[in-house]
mmCIF file of all heavy atoms, coordinates in Angstrom:
data_MODEL
# 
_entry.id   MODEL 
# 
loop_
_atom_site.group_PDB 
_atom_site.id 
_atom_site.type_symbol 
_atom_site.label_atom_id 
_atom_site.label_alt_id 
_atom_site.label_comp_id 
_atom_site.label_asym_id 
_atom_site.label_entity_id 
_atom_site.label_seq_id 
_atom_site.pdbx_PDB_ins_code 
_atom_site.Cartn_x 
_atom_site.Cartn_y 
_atom_site.Cartn_z 
_atom_site.occupancy 
_atom_site.B_iso_or_equiv 
_atom_site.pdbx_formal_charge 
_atom_site.auth_seq_id 
_atom_site.auth_comp_id 
_atom_site.auth_asym_id 
_atom_site.auth_atom_id 
_atom_site.pdbx_PDB_model_num 
ATOM 1   N N   . LYS A 1 1  ? 0.845  -1.201  0.000   1.00 0.00 ? 1  LYS A N   1 
ATOM 2   C CA  . LYS A 1 1  ? 0.000  0.000   0.000   1.00 0.00 ? 1  LYS A CA  1 
ATOM 3   C C   . LYS A 1 1  ? 0.876  1.245   0.000   1.00 0.00 ? 1  LYS A C   1 
ATOM 4   O O   . LYS A 1 1  ? 0.631  2.208   -0.730  1.00 0.00 ? 1  LYS A O   1 
ATOM 5   C CB  . LYS A 1 1  ? -0.929 0.002   1.215   1.00 0.00 ? 1  LYS A CB  1 
ATOM 6   C CG  . LYS A 1 1  ? -2.077 -0.980  1.141   1.00 0.00 ? 1  LYS A CG  1 
ATOM 7   C CD  . LYS A 1 1  ? -3.090 -0.762  2.263   1.00 0.00 ? 1  LYS A CD  1 
ATOM 8   C CE  . LYS A 1 1  ? -2.514 -1.058  3.632   1.00 0.00 ? 1  LYS A CE  1 
ATOM 9   N NZ  . LYS A 1 1  ? -3.522 -0.903  4.708   1.00 0.00 ? 1  LYS A NZ  1 
ATOM 10  N N   . GLY A 1 2  ? 1.891  1.229   0.844   1.00 0.00 ? 2  GLY A N   1 
ATOM 11  C CA  . GLY A 1 2  ? 2.795  2.374   0.907   1.00 0.00 ? 2  GLY A CA  1 
ATOM 12  C C   . GLY A 1 2  ? 3.563  2.574   -0.380  1.00 0.00 ? 2  GLY A C   1 
ATOM 13  O O   . GLY A 1 2  ? 3.755  3.709   -0.839  1.00 0.00 ? 2  GLY A O   1 
ATOM 14  N N   . TYR A 1 3  ? 3.993  1.461   -0.981  1.00 0.00 ? 3  TYR A N   1 
ATOM 15  C CA  . TYR A 1 3  ? 4.736  1.567   -2.233  1.00 0.00 ? 3  TYR A CA  1 
ATOM 16  C C   . TYR A 1 3  ? 3.863  2.151   -3.337  1.00 0.00 ? 3  TYR A C   1 
ATOM 17  O O   . TYR A 1 3  ? 4.320  2.977   -4.137  1.00 0.00 ? 3  TYR A O   1 
ATOM 18  C CB  . TYR A 1 3  ? 5.255  0.193   -2.656  1.00 0.00 ? 3  TYR A CB  1 
ATOM 19  C CG  . TYR A 1 3  ? 5.999  0.221   -3.965  1.00 0.00 ? 3  TYR A CG  1 
ATOM 20  C CD1 . TYR A 1 3  ? 7.310  0.659   -4.030  1.00 0.00 ? 3  TYR A CD1 1 
ATOM 21  C CD2 . TYR A 1 3  ? 5.365  -0.162  -5.146  1.00 0.00 ? 3  TYR A CD2 1 
ATOM 22  C CE1 . TYR A 1 3  ? 7.993  0.702   -5.238  1.00 0.00 ? 3  TYR A CE1 1 
ATOM 23  C CE2 . TYR A 1 3  ? 6.032  -0.119  -6.360  1.00 0.00 ? 3  TYR A CE2 1 
ATOM 24  C CZ  . TYR A 1 3  ? 7.349  0.310   -6.391  1.00 0.00 ? 3  TYR A CZ  1 
ATOM 25  O OH  . TYR A 1 3  ? 8.002  0.367   -7.602  1.00 0.00 ? 3  TYR A OH  1 
ATOM 26  N N   . ARG A 1 4  ? 2.604  1.731   -3.406  1.00 0.00 ? 4  ARG A N   1 
ATOM 27  C CA  . ARG A 1 4  ? 1.741  2.252   -4.464  1.00 0.00 ? 4  ARG A CA  1 
ATOM 28  C C   . ARG A 1 4  ? 1.524  3.757   -4.318  1.00 0.00 ? 4  ARG A C   1 
ATOM 29  O O   . ARG A 1 4  ? 1.585  4.508   -5.294  1.00 0.00 ? 4  ARG A O   1 
ATOM 30  C CB  . ARG A 1 4  ? 0.398  1.542   -4.486  1.00 0.00 ? 4  ARG A CB  1 
ATOM 31  C CG  . ARG A 1 4  ? -0.426 1.933   -5.722  1.00 0.00 ? 4  ARG A CG  1 
ATOM 32  C CD  . ARG A 1 4  ? -1.898 1.659   -5.581  1.00 0.00 ? 4  ARG A CD  1 
ATOM 33  N NE  . ARG A 1 4  ? -2.201 0.245   -5.610  1.00 0.00 ? 4  ARG A NE  1 
ATOM 34  C CZ  . ARG A 1 4  ? -3.453 -0.233  -5.690  1.00 0.00 ? 4  ARG A CZ  1 
ATOM 35  N NH1 . ARG A 1 4  ? -4.474 0.599   -5.738  1.00 0.00 ? 4  ARG A NH1 1 
ATOM 36  N NH2 . ARG A 1 4  ? -3.680 -1.521  -5.691  1.00 0.00 ? 4  ARG A NH2 1 
ATOM 37  N N   . ILE A 1 5  ? 1.294  4.202   -3.097  1.00 0.00 ? 5  ILE A N   1 
ATOM 38  C CA  . ILE A 1 5  ? 1.090  5.636   -2.891  1.00 0.00 ? 5  ILE A CA  1 
ATOM 39  C C   . ILE A 1 5  ? 2.358  6.410   -3.225  1.00 0.00 ? 5  ILE A C   1 
ATOM 40  O O   . ILE A 1 5  ? 2.334  7.417   -3.932  1.00 0.00 ? 5  ILE A O   1 
ATOM 41  C CB  . ILE A 1 5  ? 0.646  5.917   -1.441  1.00 0.00 ? 5  ILE A CB  1 
ATOM 42  C CG1 . ILE A 1 5  ? -0.723 5.295   -1.189  1.00 0.00 ? 5  ILE A CG1 1 
ATOM 43  C CG2 . ILE A 1 5  ? 0.598  7.421   -1.177  1.00 0.00 ? 5  ILE A CG2 1 
ATOM 44  C CD1 . ILE A 1 5  ? -1.161 5.340   0.260   1.00 0.00 ? 5  ILE A CD1 1 
ATOM 45  N N   . ARG A 1 6  ? 3.490  5.933   -2.698  1.00 0.00 ? 6  ARG A N   1 
ATOM 46  C CA  . ARG A 1 6  ? 4.750  6.651   -2.891  1.00 0.00 ? 6  ARG A CA  1 
ATOM 47  C C   . ARG A 1 6  ? 5.177  6.642   -4.356  1.00 0.00 ? 6  ARG A C   1 
ATOM 48  O O   . ARG A 1 6  ? 5.587  7.672   -4.908  1.00 0.00 ? 6  ARG A O   1 
ATOM 49  C CB  . ARG A 1 6  ? 5.832  6.001   -2.024  1.00 0.00 ? 6  ARG A CB  1 
ATOM 50  C CG  . ARG A 1 6  ? 7.205  6.646   -2.109  1.00 0.00 ? 6  ARG A CG  1 
ATOM 51  C CD  . ARG A 1 6  ? 7.280  7.979   -1.413  1.00 0.00 ? 6  ARG A CD  1 
ATOM 52  N NE  . ARG A 1 6  ? 7.079  7.899   0.022   1.00 0.00 ? 6  ARG A NE  1 
ATOM 53  C CZ  . ARG A 1 6  ? 7.039  8.961   0.826   1.00 0.00 ? 6  ARG A CZ  1 
ATOM 54  N NH1 . ARG A 1 6  ? 7.177  10.174  0.318   1.00 0.00 ? 6  ARG A NH1 1 
ATOM 55  N NH2 . ARG A 1 6  ? 6.834  8.826   2.123   1.00 0.00 ? 6  ARG A NH2 1 
ATOM 56  N N   . SER A 1 7  ? 5.091  5.490   -5.004  1.00 0.00 ? 7  SER A N   1 
ATOM 57  C CA  . SER A 1 7  ? 5.605  5.353   -6.362  1.00 0.00 ? 7  SER A CA  1 
ATOM 58  C C   . SER A 1 7  ? 4.599  5.789   -7.417  1.00 0.00 ? 7  SER A C   1 
ATOM 59  O O   . SER A 1 7  ? 4.957  6.493   -8.364  1.00 0.00 ? 7  SER A O   1 
ATOM 60  C CB  . SER A 1 7  ? 6.004  3.891   -6.602  1.00 0.00 ? 7  SER A CB  1 
ATOM 61  O OG  . SER A 1 7  ? 6.460  3.713   -7.912  1.00 0.00 ? 7  SER A OG  1 
ATOM 62  N N   . ALA A 1 8  ? 3.332  5.382   -7.274  1.00 0.00 ? 8  ALA A N   1 
ATOM 63  C CA  . ALA A 1 8  ? 2.345  5.679   -8.314  1.00 0.00 ? 8  ALA A CA  1 
ATOM 64  C C   . ALA A 1 8  ? 1.722  7.058   -8.142  1.00 0.00 ? 8  ALA A C   1 
ATOM 65  O O   . ALA A 1 8  ? 1.758  7.884   -9.047  1.00 0.00 ? 8  ALA A O   1 
ATOM 66  C CB  . ALA A 1 8  ? 1.255  4.608   -8.320  1.00 0.00 ? 8  ALA A CB  1 
ATOM 67  N N   . LEU A 1 9  ? 1.154  7.337   -6.962  1.00 0.00 ? 9  LEU A N   1 
ATOM 68  C CA  . LEU A 1 9  ? 0.424  8.590   -6.779  1.00 0.00 ? 9  LEU A CA  1 
ATOM 69  C C   . LEU A 1 9  ? 1.334  9.795   -6.620  1.00 0.00 ? 9  LEU A C   1 
ATOM 70  O O   . LEU A 1 9  ? 0.937  10.924  -6.923  1.00 0.00 ? 9  LEU A O   1 
ATOM 71  C CB  . LEU A 1 9  ? -0.509 8.497   -5.574  1.00 0.00 ? 9  LEU A CB  1 
ATOM 72  C CG  . LEU A 1 9  ? -1.916 7.955   -5.853  1.00 0.00 ? 9  LEU A CG  1 
ATOM 73  C CD1 . LEU A 1 9  ? -1.854 6.511   -6.306  1.00 0.00 ? 9  LEU A CD1 1 
ATOM 74  C CD2 . LEU A 1 9  ? -2.810 8.100   -4.638  1.00 0.00 ? 9  LEU A CD2 1 
ATOM 75  N N   . LEU A 1 10 ? 2.563  9.572   -6.119  1.00 0.00 ? 10 LEU A N   1 
ATOM 76  C CA  . LEU A 1 10 ? 3.492  10.686  -5.902  1.00 0.00 ? 10 LEU A CA  1 
ATOM 77  C C   . LEU A 1 10 ? 4.673  10.673  -6.862  1.00 0.00 ? 10 LEU A C   1 
ATOM 78  O O   . LEU A 1 10 ? 5.514  11.578  -6.825  1.00 0.00 ? 10 LEU A O   1 
ATOM 79  C CB  . LEU A 1 10 ? 3.998  10.668  -4.452  1.00 0.00 ? 10 LEU A CB  1 
ATOM 80  C CG  . LEU A 1 10 ? 2.920  10.727  -3.367  1.00 0.00 ? 10 LEU A CG  1 
ATOM 81  C CD1 . LEU A 1 10 ? 3.553  10.675  -1.985  1.00 0.00 ? 10 LEU A CD1 1 
ATOM 82  C CD2 . LEU A 1 10 ? 2.066  11.982  -3.523  1.00 0.00 ? 10 LEU A CD2 1 
ATOM 83  N N   . CYS A 1 11 ? 4.770  9.641   -7.699  1.00 0.00 ? 11 CYS A N   1 
ATOM 84  C CA  . CYS A 1 11 ? 5.816  9.550   -8.726  1.00 0.00 ? 11 CYS A CA  1 
ATOM 85  C C   . CYS A 1 11 ? 7.225  9.623   -8.144  1.00 0.00 ? 11 CYS A C   1 
ATOM 86  O O   . CYS A 1 11 ? 8.130  10.193  -8.755  1.00 0.00 ? 11 CYS A O   1 
ATOM 87  C CB  . CYS A 1 11 ? 5.656  10.658  -9.767  1.00 0.00 ? 11 CYS A CB  1 
ATOM 88  S SG  . CYS A 1 11 ? 4.308  10.390  -10.921 1.00 0.00 ? 11 CYS A SG  1 
ATOM 89  N N   . GLN A 1 12 ? 7.434  9.068   -6.978  1.00 0.00 ? 12 GLN A N   1 
ATOM 90  C CA  . GLN A 1 12 ? 8.759  9.089   -6.378  1.00 0.00 ? 12 GLN A CA  1 
ATOM 91  C C   . GLN A 1 12 ? 9.442  7.744   -6.611  1.00 0.00 ? 12 GLN A C   1 
ATOM 92  O O   . GLN A 1 12 ? 8.889  6.693   -6.305  1.00 0.00 ? 12 GLN A O   1 
ATOM 93  C CB  . GLN A 1 12 ? 8.653  9.406   -4.888  1.00 0.00 ? 12 GLN A CB  1 
ATOM 94  C CG  . GLN A 1 12 ? 8.109  10.811  -4.649  1.00 0.00 ? 12 GLN A CG  1 
ATOM 95  C CD  . GLN A 1 12 ? 7.932  11.139  -3.185  1.00 0.00 ? 12 GLN A CD  1 
ATOM 96  O OE1 . GLN A 1 12 ? 8.336  10.374  -2.325  1.00 0.00 ? 12 GLN A OE1 1 
ATOM 97  N NE2 . GLN A 1 12 ? 7.324  12.279  -2.902  1.00 0.00 ? 12 GLN A NE2 1 
ATOM 98  N N   . VAL A 1 13 ? 10.647 7.794   -7.162  1.00 0.00 ? 13 VAL A N   1 
ATOM 99  C CA  . VAL A 1 13 ? 11.397 6.589   -7.497  1.00 0.00 ? 13 VAL A CA  1 
ATOM 100 C C   . VAL A 1 13 ? 12.091 6.065   -6.251  1.00 0.00 ? 13 VAL A C   1 
ATOM 101 O O   . VAL A 1 13 ? 12.805 6.801   -5.559  1.00 0.00 ? 13 VAL A O   1 
ATOM 102 C CB  . VAL A 1 13 ? 12.428 6.877   -8.600  1.00 0.00 ? 13 VAL A CB  1 
ATOM 103 C CG1 . VAL A 1 13 ? 13.235 5.621   -8.920  1.00 0.00 ? 13 VAL A CG1 1 
ATOM 104 C CG2 . VAL A 1 13 ? 11.733 7.398   -9.852  1.00 0.00 ? 13 VAL A CG2 1 
ATOM 105 N N   . LEU A 1 14 ? 11.866 4.807   -5.932  1.00 0.00 ? 14 LEU A N   1 
ATOM 106 C CA  . LEU A 1 14 ? 12.471 4.185   -4.762  1.00 0.00 ? 14 LEU A CA  1 
ATOM 107 C C   . LEU A 1 14 ? 13.577 3.244   -5.204  1.00 0.00 ? 14 LEU A C   1 
ATOM 108 O O   . LEU A 1 14 ? 13.491 2.609   -6.259  1.00 0.00 ? 14 LEU A O   1 
ATOM 109 C CB  . LEU A 1 14 ? 11.419 3.405   -3.976  1.00 0.00 ? 14 LEU A CB  1 
ATOM 110 C CG  . LEU A 1 14 ? 10.285 4.246   -3.387  1.00 0.00 ? 14 LEU A CG  1 
ATOM 111 C CD1 . LEU A 1 14 ? 9.218  3.342   -2.806  1.00 0.00 ? 14 LEU A CD1 1 
ATOM 112 C CD2 . LEU A 1 14 ? 10.816 5.183   -2.323  1.00 0.00 ? 14 LEU A CD2 1 
ATOM 113 N N   . PRO A 1 15 ? 14.631 3.129   -4.412  1.00 0.00 ? 15 PRO A N   1 
ATOM 114 C CA  . PRO A 1 15 ? 15.701 2.183   -4.766  1.00 0.00 ? 15 PRO A CA  1 
ATOM 115 C C   . PRO A 1 15 ? 15.206 0.754   -4.680  1.00 0.00 ? 15 PRO A C   1 
ATOM 116 O O   . PRO A 1 15 ? 14.267 0.458   -3.927  1.00 0.00 ? 15 PRO A O   1 
ATOM 117 C CB  . PRO A 1 15 ? 16.780 2.477   -3.711  1.00 0.00 ? 15 PRO A CB  1 
ATOM 118 C CG  . PRO A 1 15 ? 16.031 3.051   -2.548  1.00 0.00 ? 15 PRO A CG  1 
ATOM 119 C CD  . PRO A 1 15 ? 14.901 3.831   -3.148  1.00 0.00 ? 15 PRO A CD  1 
ATOM 120 N N   . PRO A 1 16 ? 15.801 -0.164  -5.436  1.00 0.00 ? 16 PRO A N   1 
ATOM 121 C CA  . PRO A 1 16 ? 15.381 -1.562  -5.356  1.00 0.00 ? 16 PRO A CA  1 
ATOM 122 C C   . PRO A 1 16 ? 15.689 -2.140  -3.983  1.00 0.00 ? 16 PRO A C   1 
ATOM 123 O O   . PRO A 1 16 ? 16.621 -1.689  -3.312  1.00 0.00 ? 16 PRO A O   1 
ATOM 124 C CB  . PRO A 1 16 ? 16.214 -2.244  -6.446  1.00 0.00 ? 16 PRO A CB  1 
ATOM 125 C CG  . PRO A 1 16 ? 17.404 -1.360  -6.622  1.00 0.00 ? 16 PRO A CG  1 
ATOM 126 C CD  . PRO A 1 16 ? 16.920 0.029   -6.381  1.00 0.00 ? 16 PRO A CD  1 
ATOM 127 N N   . PRO A 1 17 ? 14.914 -3.133  -3.538  1.00 0.00 ? 17 PRO A N   1 
ATOM 128 C CA  . PRO A 1 17 ? 15.168 -3.722  -2.226  1.00 0.00 ? 17 PRO A CA  1 
ATOM 129 C C   . PRO A 1 17 ? 16.497 -4.460  -2.218  1.00 0.00 ? 17 PRO A C   1 
ATOM 130 O O   . PRO A 1 17 ? 16.939 -4.964  -3.255  1.00 0.00 ? 17 PRO A O   1 
ATOM 131 C CB  . PRO A 1 17 ? 13.995 -4.690  -2.037  1.00 0.00 ? 17 PRO A CB  1 
ATOM 132 C CG  . PRO A 1 17 ? 13.536 -4.996  -3.419  1.00 0.00 ? 17 PRO A CG  1 
ATOM 133 C CD  . PRO A 1 17 ? 13.774 -3.758  -4.223  1.00 0.00 ? 17 PRO A CD  1 
ATOM 134 N N   . PRO A 1 18 ? 17.152 -4.513  -1.075  1.00 0.00 ? 18 PRO A N   1 
ATOM 135 C CA  . PRO A 1 18 ? 18.403 -5.259  -0.994  1.00 0.00 ? 18 PRO A CA  1 
ATOM 136 C C   . PRO A 1 18 ? 18.166 -6.746  -1.246  1.00 0.00 ? 18 PRO A C   1 
ATOM 137 O O   . PRO A 1 18 ? 17.063 -7.257  -1.046  1.00 0.00 ? 18 PRO A O   1 
ATOM 138 C CB  . PRO A 1 18 ? 18.884 -4.994  0.441   1.00 0.00 ? 18 PRO A CB  1 
ATOM 139 C CG  . PRO A 1 18 ? 17.651 -4.621  1.193   1.00 0.00 ? 18 PRO A CG  1 
ATOM 140 C CD  . PRO A 1 18 ? 16.768 -3.911  0.213   1.00 0.00 ? 18 PRO A CD  1 
ATOM 141 N N   . ALA A 1 19 ? 19.224 -7.421  -1.659  1.00 0.00 ? 19 ALA A N   1 
ATOM 142 C CA  . ALA A 1 19 ? 19.099 -8.833  -2.030  1.00 0.00 ? 19 ALA A CA  1 
ATOM 143 C C   . ALA A 1 19 ? 18.589 -9.689  -0.890  1.00 0.00 ? 19 ALA A C   1 
ATOM 144 O O   . ALA A 1 19 ? 17.817 -10.628 -1.104  1.00 0.00 ? 19 ALA A O   1 
ATOM 145 C CB  . ALA A 1 19 ? 20.451 -9.352  -2.524  1.00 0.00 ? 19 ALA A CB  1 
ATOM 146 N N   . ASP A 1 20 ? 18.987 -9.364  0.339   1.00 0.00 ? 20 ASP A N   1 
ATOM 147 C CA  . ASP A 1 20 ? 18.577 -10.204 1.464   1.00 0.00 ? 20 ASP A CA  1 
ATOM 148 C C   . ASP A 1 20 ? 17.129 -9.997  1.872   1.00 0.00 ? 20 ASP A C   1 
ATOM 149 O O   . ASP A 1 20 ? 16.630 -10.659 2.780   1.00 0.00 ? 20 ASP A O   1 
ATOM 150 C CB  . ASP A 1 20 ? 19.497 -9.987  2.668   1.00 0.00 ? 20 ASP A CB  1 
ATOM 151 C CG  . ASP A 1 20 ? 19.474 -8.533  3.145   1.00 0.00 ? 20 ASP A CG  1 
ATOM 152 O OD1 . ASP A 1 20 ? 18.859 -7.693  2.457   1.00 0.00 ? 20 ASP A OD1 1 
ATOM 153 O OD2 . ASP A 1 20 ? 20.088 -8.240  4.187   1.00 0.00 ? 20 ASP A OD2 1 
ATOM 154 N N   . ALA A 1 21 ? 16.463 -9.056  1.212   1.00 0.00 ? 21 ALA A N   1 
ATOM 155 C CA  . ALA A 1 21 ? 15.056 -8.803  1.543   1.00 0.00 ? 21 ALA A CA  1 
ATOM 156 C C   . ALA A 1 21 ? 14.104 -9.427  0.537   1.00 0.00 ? 21 ALA A C   1 
ATOM 157 O O   . ALA A 1 21 ? 12.888 -9.440  0.754   1.00 0.00 ? 21 ALA A O   1 
ATOM 158 C CB  . ALA A 1 21 ? 14.796 -7.298  1.613   1.00 0.00 ? 21 ALA A CB  1 
ATOM 159 N N   . MET A 1 22 ? 14.615 -9.951  -0.566  1.00 0.00 ? 22 MET A N   1 
ATOM 160 C CA  . MET A 1 22 ? 13.746 -10.428 -1.635  1.00 0.00 ? 22 MET A CA  1 
ATOM 161 C C   . MET A 1 22 ? 12.857 -11.588 -1.209  1.00 0.00 ? 22 MET A C   1 
ATOM 162 O O   . MET A 1 22 ? 11.756 -11.760 -1.701  1.00 0.00 ? 22 MET A O   1 
ATOM 163 C CB  . MET A 1 22 ? 14.593 -10.843 -2.837  1.00 0.00 ? 22 MET A CB  1 
ATOM 164 C CG  . MET A 1 22 ? 15.361 -9.683  -3.466  1.00 0.00 ? 22 MET A CG  1 
ATOM 165 S SD  . MET A 1 22 ? 14.286 -8.333  -4.005  1.00 0.00 ? 22 MET A SD  1 
ATOM 166 C CE  . MET A 1 22 ? 13.467 -9.114  -5.383  1.00 0.00 ? 22 MET A CE  1 
ATOM 167 N N   . ASN A 1 23 ? 13.342 -12.422 -0.278  1.00 0.00 ? 23 ASN A N   1 
ATOM 168 C CA  . ASN A 1 23 ? 12.567 -13.592 0.126   1.00 0.00 ? 23 ASN A CA  1 
ATOM 169 C C   . ASN A 1 23 ? 11.842 -13.403 1.454   1.00 0.00 ? 23 ASN A C   1 
ATOM 170 O O   . ASN A 1 23 ? 11.277 -14.361 1.992   1.00 0.00 ? 23 ASN A O   1 
ATOM 171 C CB  . ASN A 1 23 ? 13.489 -14.818 0.214   1.00 0.00 ? 23 ASN A CB  1 
ATOM 172 C CG  . ASN A 1 23 ? 14.050 -15.207 -1.139  1.00 0.00 ? 23 ASN A CG  1 
ATOM 173 O OD1 . ASN A 1 23 ? 13.348 -15.129 -2.139  1.00 0.00 ? 23 ASN A OD1 1 
ATOM 174 N ND2 . ASN A 1 23 ? 15.313 -15.602 -1.172  1.00 0.00 ? 23 ASN A ND2 1 
ATOM 175 N N   . ALA A 1 24 ? 11.880 -12.188 1.987   1.00 0.00 ? 24 ALA A N   1 
ATOM 176 C CA  . ALA A 1 24 ? 11.203 -11.933 3.265   1.00 0.00 ? 24 ALA A CA  1 
ATOM 177 C C   . ALA A 1 24 ? 9.691  -12.025 3.079   1.00 0.00 ? 24 ALA A C   1 
ATOM 178 O O   . ALA A 1 24 ? 9.139  -11.540 2.095   1.00 0.00 ? 24 ALA A O   1 
ATOM 179 C CB  . ALA A 1 24 ? 11.598 -10.568 3.803   1.00 0.00 ? 24 ALA A CB  1 
ATOM 180 N N   . VAL A 1 25 ? 9.007  -12.647 4.023   1.00 0.00 ? 25 VAL A N   1 
ATOM 181 C CA  . VAL A 1 25 ? 7.562  -12.849 3.947   1.00 0.00 ? 25 VAL A CA  1 
ATOM 182 C C   . VAL A 1 25 ? 6.896  -12.254 5.179   1.00 0.00 ? 25 VAL A C   1 
ATOM 183 O O   . VAL A 1 25 ? 7.332  -12.490 6.308   1.00 0.00 ? 25 VAL A O   1 
ATOM 184 C CB  . VAL A 1 25 ? 7.219  -14.354 3.854   1.00 0.00 ? 25 VAL A CB  1 
ATOM 185 C CG1 . VAL A 1 25 ? 5.714  -14.553 3.863   1.00 0.00 ? 25 VAL A CG1 1 
ATOM 186 C CG2 . VAL A 1 25 ? 7.833  -14.957 2.602   1.00 0.00 ? 25 VAL A CG2 1 
ATOM 187 N N   . VAL A 1 26 ? 5.868  -11.463 4.954   1.00 0.00 ? 26 VAL A N   1 
ATOM 188 C CA  . VAL A 1 26 ? 5.056  -10.947 6.058   1.00 0.00 ? 26 VAL A CA  1 
ATOM 189 C C   . VAL A 1 26 ? 3.985  -11.996 6.334   1.00 0.00 ? 26 VAL A C   1 
ATOM 190 O O   . VAL A 1 26 ? 3.011  -12.108 5.597   1.00 0.00 ? 26 VAL A O   1 
ATOM 191 C CB  . VAL A 1 26 ? 4.431  -9.589  5.708   1.00 0.00 ? 26 VAL A CB  1 
ATOM 192 C CG1 . VAL A 1 26 ? 3.566  -9.098  6.862   1.00 0.00 ? 26 VAL A CG1 1 
ATOM 193 C CG2 . VAL A 1 26 ? 5.512  -8.566  5.370   1.00 0.00 ? 26 VAL A CG2 1 
ATOM 194 N N   . ALA A 1 27 ? 4.177  -12.769 7.380   1.00 0.00 ? 27 ALA A N   1 
ATOM 195 C CA  . ALA A 1 27 ? 3.279  -13.874 7.687   1.00 0.00 ? 27 ALA A CA  1 
ATOM 196 C C   . ALA A 1 27 ? 2.235  -13.463 8.710   1.00 0.00 ? 27 ALA A C   1 
ATOM 197 O O   . ALA A 1 27 ? 2.447  -12.534 9.508   1.00 0.00 ? 27 ALA A O   1 
ATOM 198 C CB  . ALA A 1 27 ? 4.081  -15.067 8.210   1.00 0.00 ? 27 ALA A CB  1 
# 
């Protein structure tokens, strides 16, 4: 939700996530 607002509605470019975060799961 935060990414959509920040990136889509506000057009702010965010850096890519670090490699160690790619497999993180919010359970």
